Amino acid sequence: MTWNAWIRQGHRWLAIIFTLTVIANFVTMALGTPPAWVVYSPLLPLFLLLFSGLYMFVLPYFTRT
């Protein structure tokens, strides 16, 4: 598997993880006051999605021949 394929696959899995953490966040907020680690848990996958998404966005501009 190439480097670009790893980035794309990682981006897909990060999107799933991010979605699950946001759902968990909403569920715990509906049940009461959630702990801080639940509230901030979507931030790490979000930042990783940002960097992998930006990489995939600029990749076609740098690989033109």
PDB file of N, CA and C in Angstrom:
ATOM      1  N   MET A   1       0.837  -1.171   0.000  1.00  0.00           N
ATOM      2  CA  MET A   1       0.000   0.000   0.000  1.00  0.00           C
ATOM      3  C   MET A   1       0.892   1.248   0.000  1.00  0.00           C
ATOM      4  N   THR A   2       0.544   2.228  -0.801  1.00  0.00           N
ATOM      5  CA  THR A   2       1.352   3.433  -0.892  1.00  0.00           C
ATOM      6  C   THR A   2       1.025   4.393   0.249  1.00  0.00           C
ATOM      7  N   TRP A   3       1.868   5.406   0.357  1.00  0.00           N
ATOM      8  CA  TRP A   3       1.700   6.417   1.404  1.00  0.00           C
ATOM      9  C   TRP A   3       0.346   7.104   1.276  1.00  0.00           C
ATOM     10  N   ASN A   4      -0.053   7.453   0.053  1.00  0.00           N
ATOM     11  CA  ASN A   4      -1.331   8.139  -0.165  1.00  0.00           C
ATOM     12  C   ASN A   4      -2.511   7.248   0.209  1.00  0.00           C
ATOM     13  N   ALA A   5      -2.396   5.965  -0.068  1.00  0.00           N
ATOM     14  CA  ALA A   5      -3.477   5.046   0.291  1.00  0.00           C
ATOM     15  C   ALA A   5      -3.608   4.939   1.809  1.00  0.00           C
ATOM     16  N   TRP A   6      -2.499   4.948   2.525  1.00  0.00           N
ATOM     17  CA  TRP A   6      -2.541   4.922   3.996  1.00  0.00           C
ATOM     18  C   TRP A   6      -3.217   6.174   4.549  1.00  0.00           C
ATOM     19  N   ILE A   7      -2.900   7.332   3.956  1.00  0.00           N
ATOM     20  CA  ILE A   7      -3.518   8.590   4.410  1.00  0.00           C
ATOM     21  C   ILE A   7      -5.020   8.539   4.173  1.00  0.00           C
ATOM     22  N   ARG A   8      -5.436   8.100   2.998  1.00  0.00           N
ATOM     23  CA  ARG A   8      -6.865   8.032   2.684  1.00  0.00           C
ATOM     24  C   ARG A   8      -7.607   7.060   3.606  1.00  0.00           C
ATOM     25  N   GLN A   9      -7.015   5.895   3.823  1.00  0.00           N
ATOM     26  CA  GLN A   9      -7.655   4.906   4.698  1.00  0.00           C
ATOM     27  C   GLN A   9      -7.708   5.418   6.136  1.00  0.00           C
ATOM     28  N   GLY A  10      -6.633   6.045   6.581  1.00  0.00           N
ATOM     29  CA  GLY A  10      -6.627   6.631   7.925  1.00  0.00           C
ATOM     30  C   GLY A  10      -7.665   7.726   8.069  1.00  0.00           C
ATOM     31  N   HIS A  11      -7.831   8.531   7.021  1.00  0.00           N
ATOM     32  CA  HIS A  11      -8.821   9.597   7.045  1.00  0.00           C
ATOM     33  C   HIS A  11     -10.235   9.020   7.179  1.00  0.00           C
ATOM     34  N   ARG A  12     -10.493   7.924   6.485  1.00  0.00           N
ATOM     35  CA  ARG A  12     -11.809   7.282   6.586  1.00  0.00           C
ATOM     36  C   ARG A  12     -12.065   6.764   7.993  1.00  0.00           C
ATOM     37  N   TRP A  13     -11.068   6.097   8.580  1.00  0.00           N
ATOM     38  CA  TRP A  13     -11.240   5.566   9.935  1.00  0.00           C
ATOM     39  C   TRP A  13     -11.356   6.688  10.960  1.00  0.00           C
ATOM     40  N   LEU A  14     -10.612   7.766  10.749  1.00  0.00           N
ATOM     41  CA  LEU A  14     -10.731   8.914  11.659  1.00  0.00           C
ATOM     42  C   LEU A  14     -12.124   9.524  11.591  1.00  0.00           C
ATOM     43  N   ALA A  15     -12.722   9.546  10.412  1.00  0.00           N
ATOM     44  CA  ALA A  15     -14.081  10.073  10.277  1.00  0.00           C
ATOM     45  C   ALA A  15     -15.070   9.226  11.073  1.00  0.00           C
ATOM     46  N   ILE A  16     -14.881   7.905  11.052  1.00  0.00           N
ATOM     47  CA  ILE A  16     -15.756   7.017  11.832  1.00  0.00           C
ATOM     48  C   ILE A  16     -15.565   7.260  13.322  1.00  0.00           C
ATOM     49  N   ILE A  17     -14.320   7.367  13.758  1.00  0.00           N
ATOM     50  CA  ILE A  17     -14.025   7.614  15.179  1.00  0.00           C
ATOM     51  C   ILE A  17     -14.588   8.957  15.613  1.00  0.00           C
ATOM     52  N   PHE A  18     -14.414   9.982  14.770  1.00  0.00           N
ATOM     53  CA  PHE A  18     -14.940  11.302  15.090  1.00  0.00           C
ATOM     54  C   PHE A  18     -16.458  11.269  15.229  1.00  0.00           C
ATOM     55  N   THR A  19     -17.128  10.585  14.311  1.00  0.00           N
ATOM     56  CA  THR A  19     -18.589  10.489  14.368  1.00  0.00           C
ATOM     57  C   THR A  19     -19.051   9.803  15.646  1.00  0.00           C
ATOM     58  N   LEU A  20     -18.371   8.724  16.019  1.00  0.00           N
ATOM     59  CA  LEU A  20     -18.743   8.015  17.247  1.00  0.00           C
ATOM     60  C   LEU A  20     -18.518   8.872  18.494  1.00  0.00           C
ATOM     61  N   THR A  21     -17.442   9.645  18.522  1.00  0.00           N
ATOM     62  CA  THR A  21     -17.203  10.495  19.700  1.00  0.00           C
ATOM     63  C   THR A  21     -18.225  11.624  19.789  1.00  0.00           C
ATOM     64  N   VAL A  22     -18.652  12.143  18.650  1.00  0.00           N
ATOM     65  CA  VAL A  22     -19.690  13.188  18.679  1.00  0.00           C
ATOM     66  C   VAL A  22     -21.022  12.600  19.147  1.00  0.00           C
ATOM     67  N   ILE A  23     -21.350  11.409  18.686  1.00  0.00           N
ATOM     68  CA  ILE A  23     -22.579  10.759  19.138  1.00  0.00           C
ATOM     69  C   ILE A  23     -22.518  10.491  20.639  1.00  0.00           C
ATOM     70  N   ALA A  24     -21.377  10.005  21.115  1.00  0.00           N
ATOM     71  CA  ALA A  24     -21.214   9.766  22.552  1.00  0.00           C
ATOM     72  C   ALA A  24     -21.341  11.064  23.337  1.00  0.00           C
ATOM     73  N   ASN A  25     -20.842  12.130  22.769  1.00  0.00           N
ATOM     74  CA  ASN A  25     -20.933  13.440  23.413  1.00  0.00           C
ATOM     75  C   ASN A  25     -22.396  13.862  23.567  1.00  0.00           C
ATOM     76  N   PHE A  26     -23.183  13.718  22.509  1.00  0.00           N
ATOM     77  CA  PHE A  26     -24.598  14.090  22.579  1.00  0.00           C
ATOM     78  C   PHE A  26     -25.365  13.205  23.556  1.00  0.00           C
ATOM     79  N   VAL A  27     -25.047  11.927  23.577  1.00  0.00           N
ATOM     80  CA  VAL A  27     -25.742  11.012  24.488  1.00  0.00           C
ATOM     81  C   VAL A  27     -25.446  11.376  25.937  1.00  0.00           C
ATOM     82  N   THR A  28     -24.179  11.630  26.259  1.00  0.00           N
ATOM     83  CA  THR A  28     -23.847  11.978  27.644  1.00  0.00           C
ATOM     84  C   THR A  28     -24.404  13.337  28.040  1.00  0.00           C
ATOM     85  N   MET A  29     -24.516  14.261  27.090  1.00  0.00           N
ATOM     86  CA  MET A  29     -25.133  15.560  27.405  1.00  0.00           C
ATOM     87  C   MET A  29     -26.618  15.410  27.670  1.00  0.00           C
ATOM     88  N   ALA A  30     -27.256  14.468  26.987  1.00  0.00           N
ATOM     89  CA  ALA A  30     -28.683  14.241  27.219  1.00  0.00           C
ATOM     90  C   ALA A  30     -28.930  13.610  28.580  1.00  0.00           C
ATOM     91  N   LEU A  31     -27.955  12.863  29.089  1.00  0.00           N
ATOM     92  CA  LEU A  31     -28.111  12.192  30.377  1.00  0.00           C
ATOM     93  C   LEU A  31     -27.758  13.073  31.570  1.00  0.00           C
ATOM     94  N   GLY A  32     -27.121  14.194  31.300  1.00  0.00           N
ATOM     95  CA  GLY A  32     -26.729  15.079  32.393  1.00  0.00           C
ATOM     96  C   GLY A  32     -25.461  15.813  32.017  1.00  0.00           C
ATOM     97  N   THR A  33     -24.753  16.258  33.027  1.00  0.00           N
ATOM     98  CA  THR A  33     -23.504  16.977  32.787  1.00  0.00           C
ATOM     99  C   THR A  33     -22.391  15.976  32.516  1.00  0.00           C
ATOM    100  N   PRO A  34     -21.821  16.003  31.301  1.00  0.00           N
ATOM    101  CA  PRO A  34     -20.781  15.029  30.976  1.00  0.00           C
ATOM    102  C   PRO A  34     -19.431  15.445  31.560  1.00  0.00           C
ATOM    103  N   PRO A  35     -18.554  14.485  31.791  1.00  0.00           N
ATOM    104  CA  PRO A  35     -17.208  14.833  32.241  1.00  0.00           C
ATOM    105  C   PRO A  35     -16.440  15.534  31.117  1.00  0.00           C
ATOM    106  N   ALA A  36     -15.404  16.245  31.488  1.00  0.00           N
ATOM    107  CA  ALA A  36     -14.652  17.052  30.525  1.00  0.00           C
ATOM    108  C   ALA A  36     -14.002  16.191  29.447  1.00  0.00           C
ATOM    109  N   TRP A  37     -13.551  14.993  29.790  1.00  0.00           N
ATOM    110  CA  TRP A  37     -12.876  14.173  28.786  1.00  0.00           C
ATOM    111  C   TRP A  37     -13.827  13.731  27.681  1.00  0.00           C
ATOM    112  N   VAL A  38     -15.124  13.610  27.997  1.00  0.00           N
ATOM    113  CA  VAL A  38     -16.104  13.250  26.969  1.00  0.00           C
ATOM    114  C   VAL A  38     -16.371  14.445  26.064  1.00  0.00           C
ATOM    115  N   VAL A  39     -16.426  15.617  26.662  1.00  0.00           N
ATOM    116  CA  VAL A  39     -16.698  16.826  25.889  1.00  0.00           C
ATOM    117  C   VAL A  39     -15.567  17.107  24.909  1.00  0.00           C
ATOM    118  N   TYR A  40     -14.323  16.916  25.346  1.00  0.00           N
ATOM    119  CA  TYR A  40     -13.177  17.236  24.504  1.00  0.00           C
ATOM    120  C   TYR A  40     -12.677  16.062  23.678  1.00  0.00           C
ATOM    121  N   SER A  41     -13.284  14.888  23.801  1.00  0.00           N
ATOM    122  CA  SER A  41     -12.808  13.713  23.061  1.00  0.00           C
ATOM    123  C   SER A  41     -12.905  13.851  21.537  1.00  0.00           C
ATOM    124  N   PRO A  42     -13.861  14.587  20.955  1.00  0.00           N
ATOM    125  CA  PRO A  42     -13.870  14.710  19.488  1.00  0.00           C
ATOM    126  C   PRO A  42     -12.756  15.590  18.926  1.00  0.00           C
ATOM    127  N   LEU A  43     -12.059  16.327  19.766  1.00  0.00           N
ATOM    128  CA  LEU A  43     -11.076  17.271  19.234  1.00  0.00           C
ATOM    129  C   LEU A  43      -9.856  16.604  18.606  1.00  0.00           C
ATOM    130  N   LEU A  44      -9.340  15.545  19.193  1.00  0.00           N
ATOM    131  CA  LEU A  44      -8.169  14.884  18.626  1.00  0.00           C
ATOM    132  C   LEU A  44      -8.460  14.310  17.244  1.00  0.00           C
ATOM    133  N   PRO A  45      -9.539  13.531  17.061  1.00  0.00           N
ATOM    134  CA  PRO A  45      -9.818  13.061  15.696  1.00  0.00           C
ATOM    135  C   PRO A  45     -10.106  14.207  14.728  1.00  0.00           C
ATOM    136  N   LEU A  46     -10.704  15.286  15.235  1.00  0.00           N
ATOM    137  CA  LEU A  46     -11.005  16.422  14.373  1.00  0.00           C
ATOM    138  C   LEU A  46      -9.734  17.063  13.842  1.00  0.00           C
ATOM    139  N   PHE A  47      -8.739  17.271  14.701  1.00  0.00           N
ATOM    140  CA  PHE A  47      -7.483  17.861  14.243  1.00  0.00           C
ATOM    141  C   PHE A  47      -6.735  16.923  13.302  1.00  0.00           C
ATOM    142  N   LEU A  48      -6.783  15.626  13.567  1.00  0.00           N
ATOM    143  CA  LEU A  48      -6.143  14.673  12.663  1.00  0.00           C
ATOM    144  C   LEU A  48      -6.865  14.637  11.317  1.00  0.00           C
ATOM    145  N   LEU A  49      -8.181  14.761  11.334  1.00  0.00           N
ATOM    146  CA  LEU A  49      -8.934  14.862  10.085  1.00  0.00           C
ATOM    147  C   LEU A  49      -8.572  16.128   9.320  1.00  0.00           C
ATOM    148  N   LEU A  50      -8.357  17.207  10.042  1.00  0.00           N
ATOM    149  CA  LEU A  50      -7.965  18.464   9.405  1.00  0.00           C
ATOM    150  C   LEU A  50      -6.658  18.295   8.645  1.00  0.00           C
ATOM    151  N   PHE A  51      -5.658  17.722   9.293  1.00  0.00           N
ATOM    152  CA  PHE A  51      -4.350  17.594   8.653  1.00  0.00           C
ATOM    153  C   PHE A  51      -4.374  16.597   7.498  1.00  0.00           C
ATOM    154  N   SER A  52      -5.046  15.467   7.677  1.00  0.00           N
ATOM    155  CA  SER A  52      -5.102  14.500   6.579  1.00  0.00           C
ATOM    156  C   SER A  52      -5.955  15.037   5.428  1.00  0.00           C
ATOM    157  N   GLY A  53      -7.004  15.755   5.736  1.00  0.00           N
ATOM    158  CA  GLY A  53      -7.833  16.350   4.691  1.00  0.00           C
ATOM    159  C   GLY A  53      -7.107  17.430   3.913  1.00  0.00           C
ATOM    160  N   LEU A  54      -6.341  18.264   4.628  1.00  0.00           N
ATOM    161  CA  LEU A  54      -5.558  19.279   3.932  1.00  0.00           C
ATOM    162  C   LEU A  54      -4.490  18.648   3.055  1.00  0.00           C
ATOM    163  N   TYR A  55      -3.881  17.567   3.533  1.00  0.00           N
ATOM    164  CA  TYR A  55      -2.885  16.859   2.738  1.00  0.00           C
ATOM    165  C   TYR A  55      -3.510  16.344   1.447  1.00  0.00           C
ATOM    166  N   MET A  56      -4.677  15.716   1.556  1.00  0.00           N
ATOM    167  CA  MET A  56      -5.329  15.183   0.366  1.00  0.00           C
ATOM    168  C   MET A  56      -5.826  16.299  -0.548  1.00  0.00           C
ATOM    169  N   PHE A  57      -6.149  17.457   0.019  1.00  0.00           N
ATOM    170  CA  PHE A  57      -6.621  18.576  -0.785  1.00  0.00           C
ATOM    171  C   PHE A  57      -5.502  19.162  -1.644  1.00  0.00           C
ATOM    172  N   VAL A  58      -4.317  19.323  -1.067  1.00  0.00           N
ATOM    173  CA  VAL A  58      -3.223  19.957  -1.808  1.00  0.00           C
ATOM    174  C   VAL A  58      -2.419  18.960  -2.642  1.00  0.00           C
ATOM    175  N   LEU A  59      -2.605  17.675  -2.440  1.00  0.00           N
ATOM    176  CA  LEU A  59      -1.839  16.664  -3.156  1.00  0.00           C
ATOM    177  C   LEU A  59      -1.934  16.790  -4.673  1.00  0.00           C
ATOM    178  N   PRO A  60      -3.107  16.978  -5.264  1.00  0.00           N
ATOM    179  CA  PRO A  60      -3.151  17.099  -6.733  1.00  0.00           C
ATOM    180  C   PRO A  60      -2.389  18.307  -7.271  1.00  0.00           C
ATOM    181  N   TYR A  61      -2.283  19.375  -6.491  1.00  0.00           N
ATOM    182  CA  TYR A  61      -1.575  20.556  -6.955  1.00  0.00           C
ATOM    183  C   TYR A  61      -0.063  20.361  -6.976  1.00  0.00           C
ATOM    184  N   PHE A  62       0.442  19.505  -6.114  1.00  0.00           N
ATOM    185  CA  PHE A  62       1.885  19.271  -6.044  1.00  0.00           C
ATOM    186  C   PHE A  62       2.330  18.094  -6.890  1.00  0.00           C
ATOM    187  N   THR A  63       1.405  17.254  -7.357  1.00  0.00           N
ATOM    188  CA  THR A  63       1.786  16.089  -8.152  1.00  0.00           C
ATOM    189  C   THR A  63       1.542  16.291  -9.643  1.00  0.00           C
ATOM    190  N   ARG A  64       1.178  17.493 -10.047  1.00  0.00           N
ATOM    191  CA  ARG A  64       0.972  17.764 -11.479  1.00  0.00           C
ATOM    192  C   ARG A  64       2.305  17.676 -12.201  1.00  0.00           C
ATOM    193  N   THR A  65       2.237  17.200 -13.422  1.00  0.00           N
ATOM    194  CA  THR A  65       3.468  17.119 -14.232  1.00  0.00           C
ATOM    195  C   THR A  65       3.413  18.057 -15.399  1.00  0.00           C
TER     196      THR A  65
END
